């Protein structure tokens, strides 16, 4: 149903109907802002990058062939726009953005008891470490793990967005998870009373 309505809106947007594209923006603006926020901490910059991604999508809507779902195509544009922003920021070190301090981390798979004060402290420590490790990953690994774990995308969608084979996506996600696990193992072992 959603894909069908997207196809209809895209068809109308390709014909120049701005209202149809506005409907697509309204539908996906929060997801795009959240996605961009995984890479860019500064709120104003995040909003600017998200807006730039939508502008690029509007300008290139006629090139969308429909080989993938519209939101996958849009996510690819947003990730590329965010990466371009970060690359530009690295070239101007005096304007380098701080790491994402307000990034959300899924705690679903963490074995931490949140019902105790110690559990809350441990959960914050784990979240901080996960954010730190993700920020230190190479760009390819960071994008892959973010799209998989935080955006919940399939390997096929990630391969399309990152313009690489699915096997490469699996490898990148594996290496990112391995880096996170390696850094978390001592913390989680200590919190479980030293059991290994």
C-alpha atoms as a PDB file:
ATOM      1  CA  UNK A   1       0.000   0.000   0.000  1.00  0.00           C
ATOM      2  CA  UNK A   2       2.720   2.460   1.022  1.00  0.00           C
ATOM      3  CA  UNK A   3       4.903   1.541  -1.959  1.00  0.00           C
ATOM      4  CA  UNK A   4       1.932   1.948  -4.307  1.00  0.00           C
ATOM      5  CA  UNK A   5       1.101   5.395  -2.925  1.00  0.00           C
ATOM      6  CA  UNK A   6       4.798   6.347  -3.213  1.00  0.00           C
ATOM      7  CA  UNK A   7       4.828   5.276  -6.862  1.00  0.00           C
ATOM      8  CA  UNK A   8       1.748   7.394  -7.523  1.00  0.00           C
ATOM      9  CA  UNK A   9       3.281  10.426  -5.767  1.00  0.00           C
ATOM     10  CA  UNK A  10       6.594   9.954  -7.606  1.00  0.00           C
ATOM     11  CA  UNK A  11       4.789   9.709 -10.952  1.00  0.00           C
ATOM     12  CA  UNK A  12       2.929  12.948 -10.202  1.00  0.00           C
ATOM     13  CA  UNK A  13       6.119  14.648  -8.930  1.00  0.00           C
ATOM     14  CA  UNK A  14       7.933  13.663 -12.141  1.00  0.00           C
ATOM     15  CA  UNK A  15       5.140  15.420 -14.021  1.00  0.00           C
ATOM     16  CA  UNK A  16       5.998  18.590 -12.086  1.00  0.00           C
ATOM     17  CA  UNK A  17       3.314  18.445  -9.388  1.00  0.00           C
ATOM     18  CA  UNK A  18       5.018  20.024  -6.373  1.00  0.00           C
ATOM     19  CA  UNK A  19       2.179  19.014  -4.044  1.00  0.00           C
ATOM     20  CA  UNK A  20       2.952  15.343  -4.707  1.00  0.00           C
ATOM     21  CA  UNK A  21       6.597  15.857  -3.785  1.00  0.00           C
ATOM     22  CA  UNK A  22       5.540  17.834  -0.695  1.00  0.00           C
ATOM     23  CA  UNK A  23       3.555  14.770   0.381  1.00  0.00           C
ATOM     24  CA  UNK A  24       6.695  12.611   0.031  1.00  0.00           C
ATOM     25  CA  UNK A  25       8.696  15.139   2.060  1.00  0.00           C
ATOM     26  CA  UNK A  26       6.054  15.150   4.783  1.00  0.00           C
ATOM     27  CA  UNK A  27       6.003  11.358   4.849  1.00  0.00           C
ATOM     28  CA  UNK A  28       9.787  10.897   5.129  1.00  0.00           C
ATOM     29  CA  UNK A  29      11.113  14.085   6.752  1.00  0.00           C
ATOM     30  CA  UNK A  30      11.381  12.616  10.264  1.00  0.00           C
ATOM     31  CA  UNK A  31      13.128   9.459   9.057  1.00  0.00           C
ATOM     32  CA  UNK A  32      15.584  11.502   7.005  1.00  0.00           C
ATOM     33  CA  UNK A  33      16.292  13.847   9.931  1.00  0.00           C
ATOM     34  CA  UNK A  34      16.913  10.833  12.185  1.00  0.00           C
ATOM     35  CA  UNK A  35      19.182   9.256   9.592  1.00  0.00           C
ATOM     36  CA  UNK A  36      21.201  12.432   9.086  1.00  0.00           C
ATOM     37  CA  UNK A  37      21.362  12.832  12.876  1.00  0.00           C
ATOM     38  CA  UNK A  38      23.324   9.578  13.102  1.00  0.00           C
ATOM     39  CA  UNK A  39      26.200  11.379  11.383  1.00  0.00           C
ATOM     40  CA  UNK A  40      25.780  15.045  12.273  1.00  0.00           C
ATOM     41  CA  UNK A  41      25.377  16.210  15.870  1.00  0.00           C
ATOM     42  CA  UNK A  42      24.730  19.892  15.288  1.00  0.00           C
ATOM     43  CA  UNK A  43      20.966  20.397  15.057  1.00  0.00           C
ATOM     44  CA  UNK A  44      21.088  23.275  12.574  1.00  0.00           C
ATOM     45  CA  UNK A  45      23.571  21.465  10.323  1.00  0.00           C
ATOM     46  CA  UNK A  46      21.442  18.305  10.528  1.00  0.00           C
ATOM     47  CA  UNK A  47      18.356  20.206   9.391  1.00  0.00           C
ATOM     48  CA  UNK A  48      20.300  21.911   6.603  1.00  0.00           C
ATOM     49  CA  UNK A  49      21.671  18.589   5.349  1.00  0.00           C
ATOM     50  CA  UNK A  50      18.226  16.954   5.446  1.00  0.00           C
ATOM     51  CA  UNK A  51      16.767  19.882   3.524  1.00  0.00           C
ATOM     52  CA  UNK A  52      19.612  19.693   1.010  1.00  0.00           C
ATOM     53  CA  UNK A  53      18.884  15.983   0.514  1.00  0.00           C
ATOM     54  CA  UNK A  54      15.227  16.739  -0.277  1.00  0.00           C
ATOM     55  CA  UNK A  55      16.262  19.500  -2.682  1.00  0.00           C
ATOM     56  CA  UNK A  56      18.589  17.069  -4.473  1.00  0.00           C
ATOM     57  CA  UNK A  57      15.789  14.503  -4.617  1.00  0.00           C
ATOM     58  CA  UNK A  58      13.391  17.058  -6.123  1.00  0.00           C
ATOM     59  CA  UNK A  59      15.958  18.173  -8.698  1.00  0.00           C
ATOM     60  CA  UNK A  60      16.681  14.562  -9.675  1.00  0.00           C
ATOM     61  CA  UNK A  61      13.202  13.050  -9.344  1.00  0.00           C
ATOM     62  CA  UNK A  62      13.035  12.504 -13.114  1.00  0.00           C
ATOM     63  CA  UNK A  63      16.095  10.238 -12.907  1.00  0.00           C
ATOM     64  CA  UNK A  64      14.395   7.928 -10.368  1.00  0.00           C
ATOM     65  CA  UNK A  65      13.751   4.755 -12.377  1.00  0.00           C
ATOM     66  CA  UNK A  66      11.818   2.846  -9.742  1.00  0.00           C
ATOM     67  CA  UNK A  67      14.347  -0.014  -9.502  1.00  0.00           C
ATOM     68  CA  UNK A  68      14.078   0.344  -5.730  1.00  0.00           C
ATOM     69  CA  UNK A  69      11.538   1.812  -3.350  1.00  0.00           C
ATOM     70  CA  UNK A  70      11.444   5.602  -3.261  1.00  0.00           C
ATOM     71  CA  UNK A  71      12.557   5.841   0.379  1.00  0.00           C
ATOM     72  CA  UNK A  72      15.619   3.667  -0.363  1.00  0.00           C
ATOM     73  CA  UNK A  73      16.588   6.054  -3.163  1.00  0.00           C
ATOM     74  CA  UNK A  74      15.956   9.034  -0.868  1.00  0.00           C
ATOM     75  CA  UNK A  75      18.008   7.467   1.950  1.00  0.00           C
ATOM     76  CA  UNK A  76      20.895   7.008  -0.453  1.00  0.00           C
ATOM     77  CA  UNK A  77      20.753  10.698  -1.327  1.00  0.00           C
ATOM     78  CA  UNK A  78      20.579  11.658   2.360  1.00  0.00           C
ATOM     79  CA  UNK A  79      23.550   9.459   3.330  1.00  0.00           C
ATOM     80  CA  UNK A  80      25.621  10.836   0.444  1.00  0.00           C
ATOM     81  CA  UNK A  81      24.681  14.399   1.395  1.00  0.00           C
ATOM     82  CA  UNK A  82      25.633  13.777   5.035  1.00  0.00           C
ATOM     83  CA  UNK A  83      28.938  12.193   4.003  1.00  0.00           C
ATOM     84  CA  UNK A  84      29.700  15.154   1.726  1.00  0.00           C
ATOM     85  CA  UNK A  85      28.943  17.525   4.612  1.00  0.00           C
ATOM     86  CA  UNK A  86      31.290  15.605   6.925  1.00  0.00           C
ATOM     87  CA  UNK A  87      34.029  15.526   4.288  1.00  0.00           C
ATOM     88  CA  UNK A  88      33.713  19.292   3.861  1.00  0.00           C
ATOM     89  CA  UNK A  89      33.847  19.747   7.646  1.00  0.00           C
ATOM     90  CA  UNK A  90      37.046  17.660   7.821  1.00  0.00           C
ATOM     91  CA  UNK A  91      38.649  19.919   5.228  1.00  0.00           C
ATOM     92  CA  UNK A  92      37.892  22.865   7.549  1.00  0.00           C
ATOM     93  CA  UNK A  93      39.191  21.590  10.924  1.00  0.00           C
ATOM     94  CA  UNK A  94      38.228  24.775  12.721  1.00  0.00           C
ATOM     95  CA  UNK A  95      34.595  23.905  11.974  1.00  0.00           C
ATOM     96  CA  UNK A  96      34.779  20.182  12.708  1.00  0.00           C
ATOM     97  CA  UNK A  97      31.567  19.006  14.303  1.00  0.00           C
ATOM     98  CA  UNK A  98      31.652  17.246  17.683  1.00  0.00           C
ATOM     99  CA  UNK A  99      30.676  13.585  17.880  1.00  0.00           C
ATOM    100  CA  UNK A 100      26.961  12.900  18.127  1.00  0.00           C
ATOM    101  CA  UNK A 101      26.267  13.170  21.855  1.00  0.00           C
ATOM    102  CA  UNK A 102      22.498  12.875  21.544  1.00  0.00           C
ATOM    103  CA  UNK A 103      22.591   9.819  19.226  1.00  0.00           C
ATOM    104  CA  UNK A 104      20.159   7.086  20.052  1.00  0.00           C
ATOM    105  CA  UNK A 105      21.536   3.607  20.638  1.00  0.00           C
ATOM    106  CA  UNK A 106      19.379   0.515  20.596  1.00  0.00           C
ATOM    107  CA  UNK A 107      19.806  -1.275  23.891  1.00  0.00           C
ATOM    108  CA  UNK A 108      17.636  -4.246  22.933  1.00  0.00           C
ATOM    109  CA  UNK A 109      20.492  -6.728  22.796  1.00  0.00           C
ATOM    110  CA  UNK A 110      22.411  -5.481  25.835  1.00  0.00           C
ATOM    111  CA  UNK A 111      22.345  -7.589  28.983  1.00  0.00           C
ATOM    112  CA  UNK A 112      21.984  -4.753  31.481  1.00  0.00           C
ATOM    113  CA  UNK A 113      19.364  -4.583  34.235  1.00  0.00           C
ATOM    114  CA  UNK A 114      17.886  -1.092  33.905  1.00  0.00           C
ATOM    115  CA  UNK A 115      15.746  -1.445  37.040  1.00  0.00           C
ATOM    116  CA  UNK A 116      18.648  -0.653  39.372  1.00  0.00           C
ATOM    117  CA  UNK A 117      20.716   2.519  39.726  1.00  0.00           C
ATOM    118  CA  UNK A 118      23.834   0.503  38.891  1.00  0.00           C
ATOM    119  CA  UNK A 119      22.059  -0.865  35.807  1.00  0.00           C
ATOM    120  CA  UNK A 120      21.236   2.653  34.644  1.00  0.00           C
ATOM    121  CA  UNK A 121      24.865   3.709  35.045  1.00  0.00           C
ATOM    122  CA  UNK A 122      26.012   0.595  33.163  1.00  0.00           C
ATOM    123  CA  UNK A 123      23.493   1.242  30.377  1.00  0.00           C
ATOM    124  CA  UNK A 124      24.778   4.808  29.991  1.00  0.00           C
ATOM    125  CA  UNK A 125      28.350   3.524  29.933  1.00  0.00           C
ATOM    126  CA  UNK A 126      27.486   0.910  27.286  1.00  0.00           C
ATOM    127  CA  UNK A 127      25.632   3.491  25.166  1.00  0.00           C
ATOM    128  CA  UNK A 128      28.591   5.858  25.430  1.00  0.00           C
ATOM    129  CA  UNK A 129      31.029   3.155  24.359  1.00  0.00           C
ATOM    130  CA  UNK A 130      28.824   2.107  21.427  1.00  0.00           C
ATOM    131  CA  UNK A 131      28.564   5.737  20.252  1.00  0.00           C
ATOM    132  CA  UNK A 132      32.314   6.174  20.675  1.00  0.00           C
ATOM    133  CA  UNK A 133      33.156   3.032  18.702  1.00  0.00           C
ATOM    134  CA  UNK A 134      30.717   3.915  15.905  1.00  0.00           C
ATOM    135  CA  UNK A 135      32.230   7.408  15.665  1.00  0.00           C
ATOM    136  CA  UNK A 136      35.730   5.869  15.371  1.00  0.00           C
ATOM    137  CA  UNK A 137      34.781   3.399  12.620  1.00  0.00           C
ATOM    138  CA  UNK A 138      35.768   4.045   9.038  1.00  0.00           C
ATOM    139  CA  UNK A 139      33.064   5.784   7.023  1.00  0.00           C
ATOM    140  CA  UNK A 140      32.033   2.587   5.193  1.00  0.00           C
ATOM    141  CA  UNK A 141      31.672   0.575   8.400  1.00  0.00           C
ATOM    142  CA  UNK A 142      29.843   3.424  10.194  1.00  0.00           C
ATOM    143  CA  UNK A 143      27.319   3.861   7.388  1.00  0.00           C
ATOM    144  CA  UNK A 144      26.682   0.102   7.092  1.00  0.00           C
ATOM    145  CA  UNK A 145      26.157  -0.520  10.822  1.00  0.00           C
ATOM    146  CA  UNK A 146      24.011   2.602  11.201  1.00  0.00           C
ATOM    147  CA  UNK A 147      21.713   1.690   8.334  1.00  0.00           C
ATOM    148  CA  UNK A 148      21.395  -1.907   9.573  1.00  0.00           C
ATOM    149  CA  UNK A 149      21.123  -1.535  13.345  1.00  0.00           C
ATOM    150  CA  UNK A 150      19.653   1.922  13.792  1.00  0.00           C
ATOM    151  CA  UNK A 151      17.567   2.278  10.623  1.00  0.00           C
ATOM    152  CA  UNK A 152      16.627  -1.413  10.366  1.00  0.00           C
ATOM    153  CA  UNK A 153      17.357  -1.635   6.643  1.00  0.00           C
ATOM    154  CA  UNK A 154      17.824  -4.915   4.807  1.00  0.00           C
ATOM    155  CA  UNK A 155      21.185  -5.929   3.358  1.00  0.00           C
ATOM    156  CA  UNK A 156      19.756  -5.371  -0.128  1.00  0.00           C
ATOM    157  CA  UNK A 157      18.716  -1.797   0.709  1.00  0.00           C
ATOM    158  CA  UNK A 158      22.098  -1.056   2.258  1.00  0.00           C
ATOM    159  CA  UNK A 159      23.889  -2.491  -0.786  1.00  0.00           C
ATOM    160  CA  UNK A 160      21.840  -0.205  -3.023  1.00  0.00           C
ATOM    161  CA  UNK A 161      22.512   2.873  -0.869  1.00  0.00           C
ATOM    162  CA  UNK A 162      26.227   2.143  -0.525  1.00  0.00           C
ATOM    163  CA  UNK A 163      26.606   1.043  -4.169  1.00  0.00           C
ATOM    164  CA  UNK A 164      28.363  -2.222  -3.310  1.00  0.00           C
ATOM    165  CA  UNK A 165      27.634  -5.980  -3.332  1.00  0.00           C
ATOM    166  CA  UNK A 166      25.613  -7.548  -0.503  1.00  0.00           C
ATOM    167  CA  UNK A 167      28.666  -9.597   0.524  1.00  0.00           C
ATOM    168  CA  UNK A 168      30.582  -6.374   1.098  1.00  0.00           C
ATOM    169  CA  UNK A 169      27.721  -5.040   3.225  1.00  0.00           C
ATOM    170  CA  UNK A 170      27.718  -8.230   5.342  1.00  0.00           C
ATOM    171  CA  UNK A 171      31.480  -7.972   5.802  1.00  0.00           C
ATOM    172  CA  UNK A 172      31.308  -4.317   6.846  1.00  0.00           C
ATOM    173  CA  UNK A 173      28.519  -4.976   9.335  1.00  0.00           C
ATOM    174  CA  UNK A 174      30.409  -7.974  10.740  1.00  0.00           C
ATOM    175  CA  UNK A 175      33.587  -5.911  11.210  1.00  0.00           C
ATOM    176  CA  UNK A 176      31.650  -3.056  12.832  1.00  0.00           C
ATOM    177  CA  UNK A 177      29.897  -5.443  15.234  1.00  0.00           C
ATOM    178  CA  UNK A 178      33.234  -7.090  16.007  1.00  0.00           C
ATOM    179  CA  UNK A 179      34.769  -3.702  16.901  1.00  0.00           C
ATOM    180  CA  UNK A 180      31.800  -2.873  19.158  1.00  0.00           C
ATOM    181  CA  UNK A 181      31.864  -6.318  20.816  1.00  0.00           C
ATOM    182  CA  UNK A 182      35.604  -6.106  21.433  1.00  0.00           C
ATOM    183  CA  UNK A 183      35.233  -2.775  23.243  1.00  0.00           C
ATOM    184  CA  UNK A 184      32.128  -3.858  25.187  1.00  0.00           C
ATOM    185  CA  UNK A 185      33.347  -7.285  26.310  1.00  0.00           C
ATOM    186  CA  UNK A 186      35.425  -6.033  29.288  1.00  0.00           C
ATOM    187  CA  UNK A 187      32.604  -3.752  30.461  1.00  0.00           C
ATOM    188  CA  UNK A 188      29.923  -6.439  30.203  1.00  0.00           C
ATOM    189  CA  UNK A 189      32.212  -9.061  31.799  1.00  0.00           C
ATOM    190  CA  UNK A 190      32.836  -6.718  34.750  1.00  0.00           C
ATOM    191  CA  UNK A 191      29.128  -5.988  35.155  1.00  0.00           C
ATOM    192  CA  UNK A 192      28.313  -9.693  35.295  1.00  0.00           C
ATOM    193  CA  UNK A 193      30.685 -10.276  38.191  1.00  0.00           C
ATOM    194  CA  UNK A 194      33.660 -11.227  36.094  1.00  0.00           C
ATOM    195  CA  UNK A 195      32.031 -14.277  34.492  1.00  0.00           C
ATOM    196  CA  UNK A 196      33.434 -15.028  31.059  1.00  0.00           C
END
